[in-house]
Amino acid sequence: MEAEEIRKCPGKHNIILENREILNVGGVKEVSGFNDENVLLITDLGELTISGEKLHISKFSQETGELLVDGIITSLNYSENKKAEGGFLKKLFR
């Protein structure tokens, strides 16, 4: 499938943030990396970086695309899907 087709017909993508402590994300295709300060996701609408403190992935279902993160969430940042050059650590610390 071409990238343009994916953007035109994305799957269901949603984000529910409760008290900046519990984040429920739908439409997740892949978890590309995580630690206690960052979670990097590939979603139907691009790459999503979740930043915070004491982050923990409580639940992830690749079949349904549902992800649950708990901790202290300080930011959510979208970017275009790109192949990581240099791997996860380079991407994490740019």
N, C-alpha and C. Protein backbone atom coordinates (compact mmCIF):
# COMPACT_ATOMS: atom_id res chain seq x y z
N MET A 1 0.84 -1.17 0.00
CA MET A 1 0.00 0.00 0.00
C MET A 1 0.89 1.24 0.00
N GLU A 2 0.60 2.21 -0.81
CA GLU A 2 1.36 3.45 -0.89
C GLU A 2 1.10 4.31 0.34
N ALA A 3 2.05 5.16 0.69
CA ALA A 3 1.90 6.04 1.85
C ALA A 3 0.70 6.96 1.71
N GLU A 4 0.44 7.44 0.48
CA GLU A 4 -0.71 8.31 0.26
C GLU A 4 -2.02 7.60 0.55
N GLU A 5 -2.10 6.32 0.19
CA GLU A 5 -3.31 5.54 0.44
C GLU A 5 -3.53 5.36 1.93
N ILE A 6 -2.45 5.16 2.67
CA ILE A 6 -2.57 4.98 4.12
C ILE A 6 -3.10 6.26 4.75
N ARG A 7 -2.62 7.41 4.33
CA ARG A 7 -3.09 8.67 4.90
C ARG A 7 -4.55 8.94 4.55
N LYS A 8 -4.97 8.53 3.37
CA LYS A 8 -6.35 8.77 2.97
C LYS A 8 -7.32 7.88 3.73
N CYS A 9 -6.89 6.66 4.05
CA CYS A 9 -7.78 5.68 4.68
C CYS A 9 -7.17 5.12 5.96
N PRO A 10 -6.86 5.96 6.94
CA PRO A 10 -6.27 5.42 8.16
C PRO A 10 -7.30 4.63 8.96
N GLY A 11 -6.80 3.73 9.80
CA GLY A 11 -7.68 3.01 10.71
C GLY A 11 -8.11 3.94 11.83
N LYS A 12 -8.88 3.42 12.73
CA LYS A 12 -9.36 4.22 13.85
C LYS A 12 -8.18 4.55 14.77
N HIS A 13 -7.98 5.82 15.02
CA HIS A 13 -6.89 6.27 15.89
C HIS A 13 -7.48 7.21 16.93
N ASN A 14 -7.22 6.91 18.19
CA ASN A 14 -7.71 7.79 19.25
C ASN A 14 -6.75 7.78 20.42
N ILE A 15 -6.85 8.85 21.21
CA ILE A 15 -6.02 9.00 22.41
C ILE A 15 -6.93 9.47 23.54
N ILE A 16 -6.84 8.78 24.66
CA ILE A 16 -7.56 9.19 25.87
C ILE A 16 -6.52 9.32 26.98
N LEU A 17 -6.40 10.52 27.52
CA LEU A 17 -5.45 10.80 28.59
C LEU A 17 -6.23 11.14 29.85
N GLU A 18 -6.01 10.36 30.91
CA GLU A 18 -6.71 10.58 32.18
C GLU A 18 -5.73 11.11 33.22
N ASN A 19 -5.97 12.34 33.66
CA ASN A 19 -5.19 12.96 34.74
C ASN A 19 -3.68 12.94 34.50
N ARG A 20 -3.27 12.95 33.23
CA ARG A 20 -1.86 12.90 32.84
C ARG A 20 -1.13 11.71 33.44
N GLU A 21 -1.87 10.65 33.81
CA GLU A 21 -1.26 9.47 34.40
C GLU A 21 -1.57 8.18 33.66
N ILE A 22 -2.67 8.13 32.94
CA ILE A 22 -3.06 6.93 32.20
C ILE A 22 -3.39 7.35 30.77
N LEU A 23 -2.69 6.73 29.81
CA LEU A 23 -2.88 7.06 28.41
C LEU A 23 -3.32 5.81 27.66
N ASN A 24 -4.47 5.91 27.00
CA ASN A 24 -4.99 4.81 26.18
C ASN A 24 -4.92 5.27 24.73
N VAL A 25 -4.19 4.52 23.90
CA VAL A 25 -4.00 4.88 22.50
C VAL A 25 -4.55 3.77 21.62
N GLY A 26 -5.36 4.12 20.64
CA GLY A 26 -5.87 3.17 19.66
C GLY A 26 -5.24 3.44 18.31
N GLY A 27 -5.17 2.42 17.48
CA GLY A 27 -4.58 2.58 16.15
C GLY A 27 -3.07 2.45 16.15
N VAL A 28 -2.53 1.72 17.12
CA VAL A 28 -1.08 1.52 17.21
C VAL A 28 -0.70 0.31 16.36
N LYS A 29 0.23 0.52 15.46
CA LYS A 29 0.72 -0.58 14.62
C LYS A 29 1.90 -1.29 15.26
N GLU A 30 2.75 -0.52 15.94
CA GLU A 30 3.99 -1.09 16.46
C GLU A 30 4.55 -0.22 17.57
N VAL A 31 5.17 -0.84 18.57
CA VAL A 31 5.95 -0.12 19.58
C VAL A 31 7.39 -0.23 19.11
N SER A 32 7.98 0.90 18.70
CA SER A 32 9.33 0.84 18.13
C SER A 32 10.42 1.01 19.18
N GLY A 33 10.07 1.41 20.39
CA GLY A 33 11.04 1.49 21.46
C GLY A 33 10.41 2.11 22.70
N PHE A 34 11.01 1.81 23.85
CA PHE A 34 10.48 2.40 25.09
C PHE A 34 11.52 2.30 26.19
N ASN A 35 11.41 3.24 27.12
CA ASN A 35 12.12 3.18 28.40
C ASN A 35 11.24 3.92 29.40
N ASP A 36 11.76 4.24 30.56
CA ASP A 36 10.89 4.86 31.57
C ASP A 36 10.63 6.35 31.33
N GLU A 37 11.25 6.94 30.28
CA GLU A 37 11.01 8.35 29.96
C GLU A 37 10.37 8.57 28.59
N ASN A 38 10.43 7.59 27.69
CA ASN A 38 9.88 7.74 26.34
C ASN A 38 9.30 6.43 25.83
N VAL A 39 8.20 6.55 25.10
CA VAL A 39 7.61 5.42 24.39
C VAL A 39 7.43 5.88 22.95
N LEU A 40 8.02 5.14 22.00
CA LEU A 40 7.94 5.48 20.59
C LEU A 40 7.00 4.51 19.90
N LEU A 41 5.96 5.06 19.24
CA LEU A 41 4.94 4.24 18.60
C LEU A 41 4.83 4.57 17.13
N ILE A 42 4.45 3.57 16.33
CA ILE A 42 4.05 3.78 14.95
C ILE A 42 2.53 3.61 14.96
N THR A 43 1.82 4.68 14.57
CA THR A 43 0.36 4.65 14.57
C THR A 43 -0.15 4.78 13.14
N ASP A 44 -1.45 4.69 12.99
CA ASP A 44 -2.08 4.86 11.68
C ASP A 44 -1.86 6.27 11.13
N LEU A 45 -1.56 7.24 11.99
CA LEU A 45 -1.41 8.62 11.56
C LEU A 45 0.01 9.15 11.70
N GLY A 46 0.97 8.29 11.85
CA GLY A 46 2.37 8.71 11.95
C GLY A 46 3.03 8.19 13.21
N GLU A 47 4.24 8.66 13.43
CA GLU A 47 5.02 8.25 14.59
C GLU A 47 4.62 9.12 15.78
N LEU A 48 4.39 8.49 16.92
CA LEU A 48 3.99 9.20 18.14
C LEU A 48 5.02 8.93 19.23
N THR A 49 5.56 10.02 19.80
CA THR A 49 6.49 9.91 20.92
C THR A 49 5.77 10.37 22.18
N ILE A 50 5.73 9.50 23.17
CA ILE A 50 5.15 9.82 24.47
C ILE A 50 6.31 10.05 25.42
N SER A 51 6.35 11.21 26.07
CA SER A 51 7.42 11.52 27.00
C SER A 51 6.86 11.70 28.40
N GLY A 52 7.70 11.40 29.39
CA GLY A 52 7.27 11.56 30.77
C GLY A 52 8.25 10.93 31.74
N GLU A 53 7.73 10.53 32.88
CA GLU A 53 8.53 9.92 33.93
C GLU A 53 7.86 8.64 34.39
N LYS A 54 8.67 7.65 34.71
CA LYS A 54 8.18 6.36 35.23
C LYS A 54 7.13 5.75 34.31
N LEU A 55 7.35 5.84 32.98
CA LEU A 55 6.38 5.30 32.02
C LEU A 55 6.46 3.79 31.99
N HIS A 56 5.31 3.17 31.87
CA HIS A 56 5.21 1.72 31.87
C HIS A 56 4.10 1.32 30.90
N ILE A 57 4.40 0.39 30.01
CA ILE A 57 3.37 -0.12 29.11
C ILE A 57 2.61 -1.21 29.85
N SER A 58 1.37 -0.92 30.21
CA SER A 58 0.55 -1.87 30.96
C SER A 58 -0.08 -2.92 30.06
N LYS A 59 -0.41 -2.51 28.82
CA LYS A 59 -1.11 -3.42 27.92
C LYS A 59 -0.82 -3.01 26.48
N PHE A 60 -0.58 -3.99 25.63
CA PHE A 60 -0.46 -3.74 24.20
C PHE A 60 -0.98 -4.95 23.44
N SER A 61 -1.93 -4.71 22.55
CA SER A 61 -2.46 -5.76 21.69
C SER A 61 -2.21 -5.36 20.25
N GLN A 62 -1.35 -6.10 19.58
CA GLN A 62 -1.06 -5.81 18.18
C GLN A 62 -2.27 -6.14 17.31
N GLU A 63 -3.08 -7.08 17.74
CA GLU A 63 -4.28 -7.46 16.99
C GLU A 63 -5.30 -6.33 16.93
N THR A 64 -5.54 -5.67 18.07
CA THR A 64 -6.54 -4.60 18.13
C THR A 64 -5.93 -3.21 17.98
N GLY A 65 -4.60 -3.09 18.16
CA GLY A 65 -3.94 -1.79 18.08
C GLY A 65 -4.12 -0.94 19.32
N GLU A 66 -4.53 -1.55 20.43
CA GLU A 66 -4.75 -0.82 21.68
C GLU A 66 -3.49 -0.87 22.55
N LEU A 67 -3.14 0.28 23.13
CA LEU A 67 -1.98 0.38 24.00
C LEU A 67 -2.37 1.18 25.23
N LEU A 68 -1.90 0.76 26.39
CA LEU A 68 -2.16 1.46 27.64
C LEU A 68 -0.82 1.75 28.31
N VAL A 69 -0.57 3.04 28.58
CA VAL A 69 0.67 3.48 29.23
C VAL A 69 0.29 4.19 30.52
N ASP A 70 1.03 3.87 31.60
CA ASP A 70 0.82 4.62 32.84
C ASP A 70 2.14 5.22 33.29
N GLY A 71 2.04 6.27 34.08
CA GLY A 71 3.19 7.03 34.56
C GLY A 71 2.82 8.50 34.58
N ILE A 72 3.82 9.37 34.60
CA ILE A 72 3.58 10.81 34.56
C ILE A 72 3.85 11.25 33.12
N ILE A 73 2.81 11.60 32.38
CA ILE A 73 2.92 11.92 30.97
C ILE A 73 3.07 13.43 30.82
N THR A 74 4.17 13.85 30.18
CA THR A 74 4.44 15.28 30.03
C THR A 74 4.23 15.78 28.61
N SER A 75 4.35 14.91 27.60
CA SER A 75 4.11 15.38 26.23
C SER A 75 3.80 14.24 25.28
N LEU A 76 3.08 14.60 24.21
CA LEU A 76 2.78 13.70 23.09
C LEU A 76 3.21 14.46 21.84
N ASN A 77 4.01 13.81 20.98
CA ASN A 77 4.53 14.49 19.81
C ASN A 77 4.42 13.59 18.59
N TYR A 78 3.75 14.08 17.54
CA TYR A 78 3.63 13.34 16.29
C TYR A 78 4.70 13.78 15.31
N SER A 79 5.16 12.84 14.50
CA SER A 79 6.04 13.13 13.38
C SER A 79 5.73 12.14 12.28
N GLU A 80 6.25 12.39 11.10
CA GLU A 80 6.01 11.49 9.96
C GLU A 80 6.74 10.19 10.18
N ASN A 81 6.22 9.11 9.60
CA ASN A 81 6.89 7.82 9.65
C ASN A 81 8.20 7.92 8.88
N LYS A 82 9.30 7.56 9.52
CA LYS A 82 10.61 7.56 8.88
C LYS A 82 11.35 6.33 9.36
N LYS A 83 12.21 5.82 8.51
CA LYS A 83 13.08 4.74 8.93
C LYS A 83 14.12 5.32 9.87
N ALA A 84 14.37 4.65 10.98
CA ALA A 84 15.35 5.13 11.94
C ALA A 84 16.75 4.96 11.38
N GLU A 85 17.49 6.06 11.32
CA GLU A 85 18.87 6.00 10.91
C GLU A 85 19.72 5.98 12.17
N GLY A 86 20.44 4.91 12.39
CA GLY A 86 21.27 4.82 13.58
C GLY A 86 20.59 4.12 14.73
N GLY A 87 19.37 3.69 14.56
CA GLY A 87 18.70 2.91 15.58
C GLY A 87 17.93 3.72 16.61
N PHE A 88 17.43 3.00 17.58
CA PHE A 88 16.54 3.55 18.59
C PHE A 88 17.20 4.63 19.44
N LEU A 89 18.46 4.41 19.90
CA LEU A 89 19.09 5.38 20.80
C LEU A 89 19.33 6.71 20.11
N LYS A 90 19.78 6.69 18.86
CA LYS A 90 20.00 7.94 18.14
C LYS A 90 18.69 8.70 18.00
N LYS A 91 17.63 7.98 17.70
CA LYS A 91 16.31 8.59 17.53
C LYS A 91 15.82 9.17 18.86
N LEU A 92 16.09 8.48 19.93
CA LEU A 92 15.62 8.87 21.25
C LEU A 92 16.32 10.13 21.75
N PHE A 93 17.61 10.30 21.43
CA PHE A 93 18.38 11.41 21.99
C PHE A 93 18.69 12.52 21.00
N ARG A 94 17.91 12.64 19.90
CA ARG A 94 18.18 13.75 18.98
C ARG A 94 17.63 15.04 19.48
